[in-house]
């Protein structure tokens, strides 16, 4: 018997968050979610495979870029909320704003 085909991710959004600690937060997010989800972590990039979608992260000198993909808008909104809430919790010492835009 063949496994069902994976659901294509059709809902996408992204956010570019200005922070001098981009690499630190990328690592923190990946390690935090790595206890519950499959994660790939590199020096300046990472990927978190949530059950309802995918988060790709990239850090450079002043920006943490987040790209989300999910099967539908409901799942995408939930992922946006989870990722942003955790990032803001980790970055409580610095003023930060996460603004999502459809990709």
PDB file of N, CA and C in Angstrom:
ATOM      1  N   UNK A   1       0.842  -1.167   0.000  1.00  0.00           N
ATOM      2  CA  UNK A   1       0.000   0.000   0.000  1.00  0.00           C
ATOM      3  C   UNK A   1       0.895   1.241   0.000  1.00  0.00           C
ATOM      4  N   UNK A   2       0.569   2.205  -0.824  1.00  0.00           N
ATOM      5  CA  UNK A   2       1.335   3.441  -0.908  1.00  0.00           C
ATOM      6  C   UNK A   2       0.860   4.439   0.139  1.00  0.00           C
ATOM      7  N   UNK A   3       1.810   5.217   0.642  1.00  0.00           N
ATOM      8  CA  UNK A   3       1.460   6.280   1.590  1.00  0.00           C
ATOM      9  C   UNK A   3       0.754   7.396   0.841  1.00  0.00           C
ATOM     10  N   UNK A   4      -0.151   8.107   1.493  1.00  0.00           N
ATOM     11  CA  UNK A   4      -0.826   9.225   0.824  1.00  0.00           C
ATOM     12  C   UNK A   4       0.185  10.318   0.487  1.00  0.00           C
ATOM     13  N   UNK A   5      -0.086  11.002  -0.604  1.00  0.00           N
ATOM     14  CA  UNK A   5       0.793  12.096  -1.022  1.00  0.00           C
ATOM     15  C   UNK A   5       0.713  13.226  -0.003  1.00  0.00           C
ATOM     16  N   UNK A   6       1.846  13.874   0.281  1.00  0.00           N
ATOM     17  CA  UNK A   6       1.800  14.981   1.235  1.00  0.00           C
ATOM     18  C   UNK A   6       0.952  16.127   0.711  1.00  0.00           C
ATOM     19  N   UNK A   7       0.320  16.827   1.637  1.00  0.00           N
ATOM     20  CA  UNK A   7      -0.494  17.977   1.274  1.00  0.00           C
ATOM     21  C   UNK A   7       0.418  19.099   0.791  1.00  0.00           C
ATOM     22  N   UNK A   8       0.144  19.637  -0.389  1.00  0.00           N
ATOM     23  CA  UNK A   8       0.992  20.733  -0.860  1.00  0.00           C
ATOM     24  C   UNK A   8       0.758  21.987  -0.017  1.00  0.00           C
ATOM     25  N   UNK A   9       1.813  22.706   0.230  1.00  0.00           N
ATOM     26  CA  UNK A   9       1.708  23.947   0.987  1.00  0.00           C
ATOM     27  C   UNK A   9       1.361  25.069   0.024  1.00  0.00           C
ATOM     28  N   UNK A  10       0.139  25.564   0.108  1.00  0.00           N
ATOM     29  CA  UNK A  10      -0.307  26.603  -0.817  1.00  0.00           C
ATOM     30  C   UNK A  10      -0.407  27.975  -0.168  1.00  0.00           C
ATOM     31  N   UNK A  11      -0.474  28.034   1.153  1.00  0.00           N
ATOM     32  CA  UNK A  11      -0.550  29.311   1.860  1.00  0.00           C
ATOM     33  C   UNK A  11       0.848  29.663   2.360  1.00  0.00           C
ATOM     34  N   UNK A  12       1.307  30.858   2.015  1.00  0.00           N
ATOM     35  CA  UNK A  12       2.674  31.255   2.367  1.00  0.00           C
ATOM     36  C   UNK A  12       2.703  32.686   2.896  1.00  0.00           C
ATOM     37  N   UNK A  13       3.624  32.919   3.824  1.00  0.00           N
ATOM     38  CA  UNK A  13       3.860  34.268   4.312  1.00  0.00           C
ATOM     39  C   UNK A  13       5.310  34.396   4.735  1.00  0.00           C
ATOM     40  N   UNK A  14       5.733  35.648   4.895  1.00  0.00           N
ATOM     41  CA  UNK A  14       7.101  35.883   5.346  1.00  0.00           C
ATOM     42  C   UNK A  14       7.171  37.129   6.201  1.00  0.00           C
ATOM     43  N   UNK A  15       8.226  37.186   6.988  1.00  0.00           N
ATOM     44  CA  UNK A  15       8.493  38.353   7.820  1.00  0.00           C
ATOM     45  C   UNK A  15      10.002  38.540   7.898  1.00  0.00           C
ATOM     46  N   UNK A  16      10.436  39.776   7.781  1.00  0.00           N
ATOM     47  CA  UNK A  16      11.833  40.136   7.969  1.00  0.00           C
ATOM     48  C   UNK A  16      11.893  40.981   9.236  1.00  0.00           C
ATOM     49  N   UNK A  17      12.543  40.439  10.240  1.00  0.00           N
ATOM     50  CA  UNK A  17      12.572  41.058  11.559  1.00  0.00           C
ATOM     51  C   UNK A  17      13.953  41.678  11.790  1.00  0.00           C
ATOM     52  N   UNK A  18      13.977  42.978  12.014  1.00  0.00           N
ATOM     53  CA  UNK A  18      15.238  43.669  12.272  1.00  0.00           C
ATOM     54  C   UNK A  18      15.716  43.363  13.686  1.00  0.00           C
ATOM     55  N   UNK A  19      16.923  42.796  13.785  1.00  0.00           N
ATOM     56  CA  UNK A  19      17.521  42.502  15.082  1.00  0.00           C
ATOM     57  C   UNK A  19      19.015  42.244  14.907  1.00  0.00           C
ATOM     58  N   UNK A  20      19.828  42.783  15.796  1.00  0.00           N
ATOM     59  CA  UNK A  20      21.254  42.484  15.728  1.00  0.00           C
ATOM     60  C   UNK A  20      21.572  41.070  16.235  1.00  0.00           C
ATOM     61  N   UNK A  21      20.589  40.399  16.811  1.00  0.00           N
ATOM     62  CA  UNK A  21      20.765  39.052  17.370  1.00  0.00           C
ATOM     63  C   UNK A  21      20.099  37.980  16.508  1.00  0.00           C
ATOM     64  N   UNK A  22      20.055  38.176  15.197  1.00  0.00           N
ATOM     65  CA  UNK A  22      19.327  37.264  14.303  1.00  0.00           C
ATOM     66  C   UNK A  22      19.798  35.816  14.433  1.00  0.00           C
ATOM     67  N   UNK A  23      21.101  35.590  14.431  1.00  0.00           N
ATOM     68  CA  UNK A  23      21.622  34.218  14.520  1.00  0.00           C
ATOM     69  C   UNK A  23      21.249  33.581  15.854  1.00  0.00           C
ATOM     70  N   UNK A  24      21.318  34.358  16.901  1.00  0.00           N
ATOM     71  CA  UNK A  24      20.961  33.840  18.226  1.00  0.00           C
ATOM     72  C   UNK A  24      19.507  33.374  18.257  1.00  0.00           C
ATOM     73  N   UNK A  25      18.600  34.205  17.736  1.00  0.00           N
ATOM     74  CA  UNK A  25      17.182  33.844  17.771  1.00  0.00           C
ATOM     75  C   UNK A  25      16.857  32.692  16.825  1.00  0.00           C
ATOM     76  N   UNK A  26      17.529  32.628  15.687  1.00  0.00           N
ATOM     77  CA  UNK A  26      17.358  31.493  14.775  1.00  0.00           C
ATOM     78  C   UNK A  26      17.702  30.200  15.510  1.00  0.00           C
ATOM     79  N   UNK A  27      18.850  30.193  16.170  1.00  0.00           N
ATOM     80  CA  UNK A  27      19.295  29.009  16.905  1.00  0.00           C
ATOM     81  C   UNK A  27      18.333  28.671  18.034  1.00  0.00           C
ATOM     82  N   UNK A  28      17.895  29.692  18.769  1.00  0.00           N
ATOM     83  CA  UNK A  28      16.972  29.461  19.882  1.00  0.00           C
ATOM     84  C   UNK A  28      15.653  28.858  19.406  1.00  0.00           C
ATOM     85  N   UNK A  29      15.097  29.404  18.335  1.00  0.00           N
ATOM     86  CA  UNK A  29      13.837  28.873  17.806  1.00  0.00           C
ATOM     87  C   UNK A  29      13.991  27.424  17.359  1.00  0.00           C
ATOM     88  N   UNK A  30      15.053  27.147  16.617  1.00  0.00           N
ATOM     89  CA  UNK A  30      15.251  25.778  16.122  1.00  0.00           C
ATOM     90  C   UNK A  30      15.454  24.792  17.270  1.00  0.00           C
ATOM     91  N   UNK A  31      16.261  25.159  18.250  1.00  0.00           N
ATOM     92  CA  UNK A  31      16.500  24.251  19.371  1.00  0.00           C
ATOM     93  C   UNK A  31      15.241  24.062  20.211  1.00  0.00           C
ATOM     94  N   UNK A  32      14.482  25.134  20.401  1.00  0.00           N
ATOM     95  CA  UNK A  32      13.252  25.035  21.183  1.00  0.00           C
ATOM     96  C   UNK A  32      12.251  24.085  20.516  1.00  0.00           C
ATOM     97  N   UNK A  33      11.982  24.315  19.230  1.00  0.00           N
ATOM     98  CA  UNK A  33      11.002  23.478  18.539  1.00  0.00           C
ATOM     99  C   UNK A  33      11.562  22.096  18.202  1.00  0.00           C
ATOM    100  N   UNK A  34      12.879  21.943  18.230  1.00  0.00           N
ATOM    101  CA  UNK A  34      13.504  20.654  17.943  1.00  0.00           C
ATOM    102  C   UNK A  34      13.150  19.569  18.944  1.00  0.00           C
ATOM    103  N   UNK A  35      12.615  19.957  20.087  1.00  0.00           N
ATOM    104  CA  UNK A  35      12.178  18.963  21.072  1.00  0.00           C
ATOM    105  C   UNK A  35      10.867  18.299  20.659  1.00  0.00           C
ATOM    106  N   UNK A  36      10.141  18.940  19.708  1.00  0.00           N
ATOM    107  CA  UNK A  36       8.839  18.415  19.290  1.00  0.00           C
ATOM    108  C   UNK A  36       8.695  18.203  17.793  1.00  0.00           C
ATOM    109  N   UNK A  37       9.579  18.829  17.002  1.00  0.00           N
ATOM    110  CA  UNK A  37       9.451  18.800  15.548  1.00  0.00           C
ATOM    111  C   UNK A  37      10.806  18.479  14.912  1.00  0.00           C
ATOM    112  N   UNK A  38      10.786  17.896  13.721  1.00  0.00           N
ATOM    113  CA  UNK A  38      12.047  17.742  12.995  1.00  0.00           C
ATOM    114  C   UNK A  38      12.609  19.123  12.627  1.00  0.00           C
ATOM    115  N   UNK A  39      13.911  19.295  12.859  1.00  0.00           N
ATOM    116  CA  UNK A  39      14.567  20.582  12.637  1.00  0.00           C
ATOM    117  C   UNK A  39      15.891  20.364  11.926  1.00  0.00           C
ATOM    118  N   UNK A  40      16.223  21.279  11.024  1.00  0.00           N
ATOM    119  CA  UNK A  40      17.564  21.339  10.447  1.00  0.00           C
ATOM    120  C   UNK A  40      18.129  22.693  10.828  1.00  0.00           C
ATOM    121  N   UNK A  41      19.378  22.705  11.325  1.00  0.00           N
ATOM    122  CA  UNK A  41      19.988  23.942  11.794  1.00  0.00           C
ATOM    123  C   UNK A  41      21.387  24.069  11.230  1.00  0.00           C
ATOM    124  N   UNK A  42      21.633  25.181  10.550  1.00  0.00           N
ATOM    125  CA  UNK A  42      22.958  25.497  10.043  1.00  0.00           C
ATOM    126  C   UNK A  42      23.458  26.768  10.705  1.00  0.00           C
ATOM    127  N   UNK A  43      24.594  27.271  10.239  1.00  0.00           N
ATOM    128  CA  UNK A  43      25.194  28.458  10.848  1.00  0.00           C
ATOM    129  C   UNK A  43      24.314  29.696  10.677  1.00  0.00           C
ATOM    130  N   UNK A  44      23.681  29.853   9.531  1.00  0.00           N
ATOM    131  CA  UNK A  44      22.885  31.055   9.269  1.00  0.00           C
ATOM    132  C   UNK A  44      21.499  30.732   8.738  1.00  0.00           C
ATOM    133  N   UNK A  45      21.109  29.469   8.790  1.00  0.00           N
ATOM    134  CA  UNK A  45      19.781  29.111   8.300  1.00  0.00           C
ATOM    135  C   UNK A  45      19.251  27.912   9.078  1.00  0.00           C
ATOM    136  N   UNK A  46      17.938  27.750   8.998  1.00  0.00           N
ATOM    137  CA  UNK A  46      17.311  26.634   9.676  1.00  0.00           C
ATOM    138  C   UNK A  46      15.954  26.337   9.079  1.00  0.00           C
ATOM    139  N   UNK A  47      15.419  25.199   9.442  1.00  0.00           N
ATOM    140  CA  UNK A  47      14.090  24.798   8.976  1.00  0.00           C
ATOM    141  C   UNK A  47      13.418  24.008  10.084  1.00  0.00           C
ATOM    142  N   UNK A  48      12.158  24.344  10.338  1.00  0.00           N
ATOM    143  CA  UNK A  48      11.355  23.646  11.333  1.00  0.00           C
ATOM    144  C   UNK A  48      10.157  23.046  10.614  1.00  0.00           C
ATOM    145  N   UNK A  49      10.001  21.730  10.721  1.00  0.00           N
ATOM    146  CA  UNK A  49       8.889  21.032  10.070  1.00  0.00           C
ATOM    147  C   UNK A  49       7.786  20.795  11.100  1.00  0.00           C
ATOM    148  N   UNK A  50       6.863  21.742  11.183  1.00  0.00           N
ATOM    149  CA  UNK A  50       5.705  21.588  12.048  1.00  0.00           C
ATOM    150  C   UNK A  50       4.751  20.586  11.404  1.00  0.00           C
ATOM    151  N   UNK A  51       3.850  20.020  12.169  1.00  0.00           N
ATOM    152  CA  UNK A  51       2.879  19.099  11.606  1.00  0.00           C
ATOM    153  C   UNK A  51       1.965  19.756  10.591  1.00  0.00           C
ATOM    154  N   UNK A  52       1.718  21.053  10.768  1.00  0.00           N
ATOM    155  CA  UNK A  52       0.778  21.763   9.905  1.00  0.00           C
ATOM    156  C   UNK A  52       1.457  22.636   8.854  1.00  0.00           C
ATOM    157  N   UNK A  53       2.780  22.637   8.820  1.00  0.00           N
ATOM    158  CA  UNK A  53       3.481  23.473   7.849  1.00  0.00           C
ATOM    159  C   UNK A  53       4.967  23.504   8.105  1.00  0.00           C
ATOM    160  N   UNK A  54       5.596  24.474   7.511  1.00  0.00           N
ATOM    161  CA  UNK A  54       7.049  24.537   7.480  1.00  0.00           C
ATOM    162  C   UNK A  54       7.503  25.973   7.750  1.00  0.00           C
ATOM    163  N   UNK A  55       8.597  26.124   8.504  1.00  0.00           N
ATOM    164  CA  UNK A  55       9.187  27.441   8.741  1.00  0.00           C
ATOM    165  C   UNK A  55      10.648  27.391   8.336  1.00  0.00           C
ATOM    166  N   UNK A  56      11.026  28.266   7.415  1.00  0.00           N
ATOM    167  CA  UNK A  56      12.434  28.395   7.021  1.00  0.00           C
ATOM    168  C   UNK A  56      12.945  29.710   7.563  1.00  0.00           C
ATOM    169  N   UNK A  57      14.133  29.660   8.153  1.00  0.00           N
ATOM    170  CA  UNK A  57      14.715  30.821   8.801  1.00  0.00           C
ATOM    171  C   UNK A  57      16.077  31.125   8.190  1.00  0.00           C
ATOM    172  N   UNK A  58      16.399  32.411   8.101  1.00  0.00           N
ATOM    173  CA  UNK A  58      17.714  32.830   7.619  1.00  0.00           C
ATOM    174  C   UNK A  58      18.137  34.062   8.407  1.00  0.00           C
ATOM    175  N   UNK A  59      19.388  34.068   8.853  1.00  0.00           N
ATOM    176  CA  UNK A  59      19.904  35.188   9.625  1.00  0.00           C
ATOM    177  C   UNK A  59      21.060  35.839   8.887  1.00  0.00           C
ATOM    178  N   UNK A  60      21.064  37.180   8.891  1.00  0.00           N
ATOM    179  CA  UNK A  60      22.242  37.914   8.440  1.00  0.00           C
ATOM    180  C   UNK A  60      22.574  38.933   9.523  1.00  0.00           C
ATOM    181  N   UNK A  61      23.442  39.869   9.241  1.00  0.00           N
ATOM    182  CA  UNK A  61      23.951  40.778  10.268  1.00  0.00           C
ATOM    183  C   UNK A  61      22.871  41.539  11.025  1.00  0.00           C
ATOM    184  N   UNK A  62      21.764  41.882  10.386  1.00  0.00           N
ATOM    185  CA  UNK A  62      20.757  42.679  11.074  1.00  0.00           C
ATOM    186  C   UNK A  62      19.328  42.242  10.880  1.00  0.00           C
ATOM    187  N   UNK A  63      19.119  41.063  10.275  1.00  0.00           N
ATOM    188  CA  UNK A  63      17.753  40.645   9.970  1.00  0.00           C
ATOM    189  C   UNK A  63      17.582  39.139  10.163  1.00  0.00           C
ATOM    190  N   UNK A  64      16.474  38.775  10.791  1.00  0.00           N
ATOM    191  CA  UNK A  64      16.035  37.386  10.840  1.00  0.00           C
ATOM    192  C   UNK A  64      14.864  37.267   9.883  1.00  0.00           C
ATOM    193  N   UNK A  65      15.031  36.489   8.829  1.00  0.00           N
ATOM    194  CA  UNK A  65      13.970  36.284   7.836  1.00  0.00           C
ATOM    195  C   UNK A  65      13.256  34.982   8.143  1.00  0.00           C
ATOM    196  N   UNK A  66      11.939  35.044   8.161  1.00  0.00           N
ATOM    197  CA  UNK A  66      11.085  33.894   8.435  1.00  0.00           C
ATOM    198  C   UNK A  66      10.179  33.668   7.239  1.00  0.00           C
ATOM    199  N   UNK A  67      10.136  32.460   6.723  1.00  0.00           N
ATOM    200  CA  UNK A  67       9.246  32.115   5.613  1.00  0.00           C
ATOM    201  C   UNK A  67       8.401  30.915   6.042  1.00  0.00           C
ATOM    202  N   UNK A  68       7.096  31.104   6.054  1.00  0.00           N
ATOM    203  CA  UNK A  68       6.173  30.042   6.457  1.00  0.00           C
ATOM    204  C   UNK A  68       5.422  29.500   5.261  1.00  0.00           C
ATOM    205  N   UNK A  69       5.117  28.221   5.305  1.00  0.00           N
ATOM    206  CA  UNK A  69       4.278  27.581   4.295  1.00  0.00           C
ATOM    207  C   UNK A  69       3.361  26.602   5.014  1.00  0.00           C
ATOM    208  N   UNK A  70       2.087  26.621   4.644  1.00  0.00           N
ATOM    209  CA  UNK A  70       1.101  25.740   5.270  1.00  0.00           C
ATOM    210  C   UNK A  70       0.079  25.305   4.234  1.00  0.00           C
ATOM    211  N   UNK A  71      -0.721  24.321   4.581  1.00  0.00           N
ATOM    212  CA  UNK A  71      -1.691  23.763   3.650  1.00  0.00           C
ATOM    213  C   UNK A  71      -2.848  24.718   3.365  1.00  0.00           C
ATOM    214  N   UNK A  72      -3.194  25.562   4.338  1.00  0.00           N
ATOM    215  CA  UNK A  72      -4.316  26.485   4.141  1.00  0.00           C
ATOM    216  C   UNK A  72      -4.142  27.713   5.025  1.00  0.00           C
ATOM    217  N   UNK A  73      -5.031  28.679   4.868  1.00  0.00           N
ATOM    218  CA  UNK A  73      -4.927  29.937   5.600  1.00  0.00           C
ATOM    219  C   UNK A  73      -5.059  29.755   7.113  1.00  0.00           C
ATOM    220  N   UNK A  74      -5.903  28.850   7.545  1.00  0.00           N
ATOM    221  CA  UNK A  74      -6.083  28.618   8.974  1.00  0.00           C
ATOM    222  C   UNK A  74      -4.791  28.109   9.599  1.00  0.00           C
ATOM    223  N   UNK A  75      -4.166  27.139   8.972  1.00  0.00           N
ATOM    224  CA  UNK A  75      -2.901  26.605   9.473  1.00  0.00           C
ATOM    225  C   UNK A  75      -1.806  27.664   9.419  1.00  0.00           C
ATOM    226  N   UNK A  76      -1.808  28.490   8.369  1.00  0.00           N
ATOM    227  CA  UNK A  76      -0.809  29.543   8.238  1.00  0.00           C
ATOM    228  C   UNK A  76      -0.936  30.562   9.367  1.00  0.00           C
ATOM    229  N   UNK A  77      -2.155  30.987   9.663  1.00  0.00           N
ATOM    230  CA  UNK A  77      -2.367  31.940  10.756  1.00  0.00           C
ATOM    231  C   UNK A  77      -1.910  31.368  12.096  1.00  0.00           C
ATOM    232  N   UNK A  78      -2.166  30.095  12.317  1.00  0.00           N
ATOM    233  CA  UNK A  78      -1.732  29.458  13.567  1.00  0.00           C
ATOM    234  C   UNK A  78      -0.203  29.411  13.649  1.00  0.00           C
ATOM    235  N   UNK A  79       0.460  29.084  12.543  1.00  0.00           N
ATOM    236  CA  UNK A  79       1.926  29.062  12.534  1.00  0.00           C
ATOM    237  C   UNK A  79       2.501  30.456  12.752  1.00  0.00           C
ATOM    238  N   UNK A  80       1.914  31.458  12.118  1.00  0.00           N
ATOM    239  CA  UNK A  80       2.373  32.829  12.324  1.00  0.00           C
ATOM    240  C   UNK A  80       2.320  33.186  13.807  1.00  0.00           C
ATOM    241  N   UNK A  81       1.230  32.839  14.445  1.00  0.00           N
ATOM    242  CA  UNK A  81       1.054  33.138  15.857  1.00  0.00           C
ATOM    243  C   UNK A  81       2.097  32.415  16.713  1.00  0.00           C
ATOM    244  N   UNK A  82       2.286  31.128  16.484  1.00  0.00           N
ATOM    245  CA  UNK A  82       3.215  30.339  17.290  1.00  0.00           C
ATOM    246  C   UNK A  82       4.651  30.831  17.122  1.00  0.00           C
ATOM    247  N   UNK A  83       5.077  31.039  15.895  1.00  0.00           N
ATOM    248  CA  UNK A  83       6.459  31.464  15.649  1.00  0.00           C
ATOM    249  C   UNK A  83       6.692  32.864  16.214  1.00  0.00           C
ATOM    250  N   UNK A  84       5.787  33.793  15.965  1.00  0.00           N
ATOM    251  CA  UNK A  84       5.950  35.164  16.459  1.00  0.00           C
ATOM    252  C   UNK A  84       5.942  35.208  17.981  1.00  0.00           C
ATOM    253  N   UNK A  85       5.021  34.494  18.626  1.00  0.00           N
ATOM    254  CA  UNK A  85       4.950  34.503  20.086  1.00  0.00           C
ATOM    255  C   UNK A  85       6.253  34.003  20.709  1.00  0.00           C
ATOM    256  N   UNK A  86       6.789  32.915  20.159  1.00  0.00           N
ATOM    257  CA  UNK A  86       8.032  32.376  20.705  1.00  0.00           C
ATOM    258  C   UNK A  86       9.203  33.327  20.460  1.00  0.00           C
ATOM    259  N   UNK A  87       9.287  33.878  19.273  1.00  0.00           N
ATOM    260  CA  UNK A  87      10.373  34.817  18.984  1.00  0.00           C
ATOM    261  C   UNK A  87      10.309  36.020  19.922  1.00  0.00           C
ATOM    262  N   UNK A  88       9.133  36.594  20.096  1.00  0.00           N
ATOM    263  CA  UNK A  88       8.994  37.756  20.974  1.00  0.00           C
ATOM    264  C   UNK A  88       9.307  37.408  22.433  1.00  0.00           C
ATOM    265  N   UNK A  89       8.988  36.209  22.833  1.00  0.00           N
ATOM    266  CA  UNK A  89       9.318  35.765  24.188  1.00  0.00           C
ATOM    267  C   UNK A  89      10.833  35.658  24.356  1.00  0.00           C
ATOM    268  N   UNK A  90      11.522  35.110  23.349  1.00  0.00           N
ATOM    269  CA  UNK A  90      12.979  34.980  23.434  1.00  0.00           C
ATOM    270  C   UNK A  90      13.663  36.347  23.391  1.00  0.00           C
ATOM    271  N   UNK A  91      13.052  37.307  22.706  1.00  0.00           N
ATOM    272  CA  UNK A  91      13.650  38.628  22.501  1.00  0.00           C
ATOM    273  C   UNK A  91      13.061  39.676  23.436  1.00  0.00           C
ATOM    274  N   UNK A  92      12.652  39.272  24.618  1.00  0.00           N
ATOM    275  CA  UNK A  92      11.943  40.194  25.509  1.00  0.00           C
ATOM    276  C   UNK A  92      12.781  41.405  25.905  1.00  0.00           C
ATOM    277  N   UNK A  93      14.087  41.337  25.755  1.00  0.00           N
ATOM    278  CA  UNK A  93      14.947  42.462  26.149  1.00  0.00           C
ATOM    279  C   UNK A  93      15.065  43.541  25.080  1.00  0.00           C
ATOM    280  N   UNK A  94      14.624  43.254  23.875  1.00  0.00           N
ATOM    281  CA  UNK A  94      14.747  44.258  22.820  1.00  0.00           C
ATOM    282  C   UNK A  94      13.388  44.501  22.166  1.00  0.00           C
ATOM    283  N   UNK A  95      13.124  45.740  21.794  1.00  0.00           N
ATOM    284  CA  UNK A  95      11.860  46.016  21.102  1.00  0.00           C
ATOM    285  C   UNK A  95      11.892  45.375  19.722  1.00  0.00           C
ATOM    286  N   UNK A  96      10.879  44.630  19.410  1.00  0.00           N
ATOM    287  CA  UNK A  96      10.863  43.886  18.156  1.00  0.00           C
ATOM    288  C   UNK A  96       9.436  43.794  17.643  1.00  0.00           C
ATOM    289  N   UNK A  97       9.309  43.822  16.340  1.00  0.00           N
ATOM    290  CA  UNK A  97       7.992  43.672  15.723  1.00  0.00           C
ATOM    291  C   UNK A  97       8.077  42.625  14.627  1.00  0.00           C
ATOM    292  N   UNK A  98       7.100  41.737  14.605  1.00  0.00           N
ATOM    293  CA  UNK A  98       7.006  40.705  13.566  1.00  0.00           C
ATOM    294  C   UNK A  98       5.777  41.044  12.730  1.00  0.00           C
ATOM    295  N   UNK A  99       6.013  41.421  11.479  1.00  0.00           N
ATOM    296  CA  UNK A  99       4.923  41.773  10.573  1.00  0.00           C
ATOM    297  C   UNK A  99       4.934  40.795   9.412  1.00  0.00           C
ATOM    298  N   UNK A 100       3.877  40.014   9.308  1.00  0.00           N
ATOM    299  CA  UNK A 100       3.777  38.997   8.260  1.00  0.00           C
ATOM    300  C   UNK A 100       3.173  39.599   7.003  1.00  0.00           C
ATOM    301  N   UNK A 101       3.658  39.154   5.854  1.00  0.00           N
ATOM    302  CA  UNK A 101       3.043  39.506   4.575  1.00  0.00           C
ATOM    303  C   UNK A 101       2.921  38.236   3.752  1.00  0.00           C
ATOM    304  N   UNK A 102       1.871  38.185   2.963  1.00  0.00           N
ATOM    305  CA  UNK A 102       1.642  36.997   2.119  1.00  0.00           C
ATOM    306  C   UNK A 102       2.742  36.915   1.070  1.00  0.00           C
ATOM    307  N   UNK A 103       3.209  35.717   0.842  1.00  0.00           N
ATOM    308  CA  UNK A 103       4.269  35.503  -0.136  1.00  0.00           C
ATOM    309  C   UNK A 103       3.741  34.745  -1.337  1.00  0.00           C
TER     310      UNK A 103
END
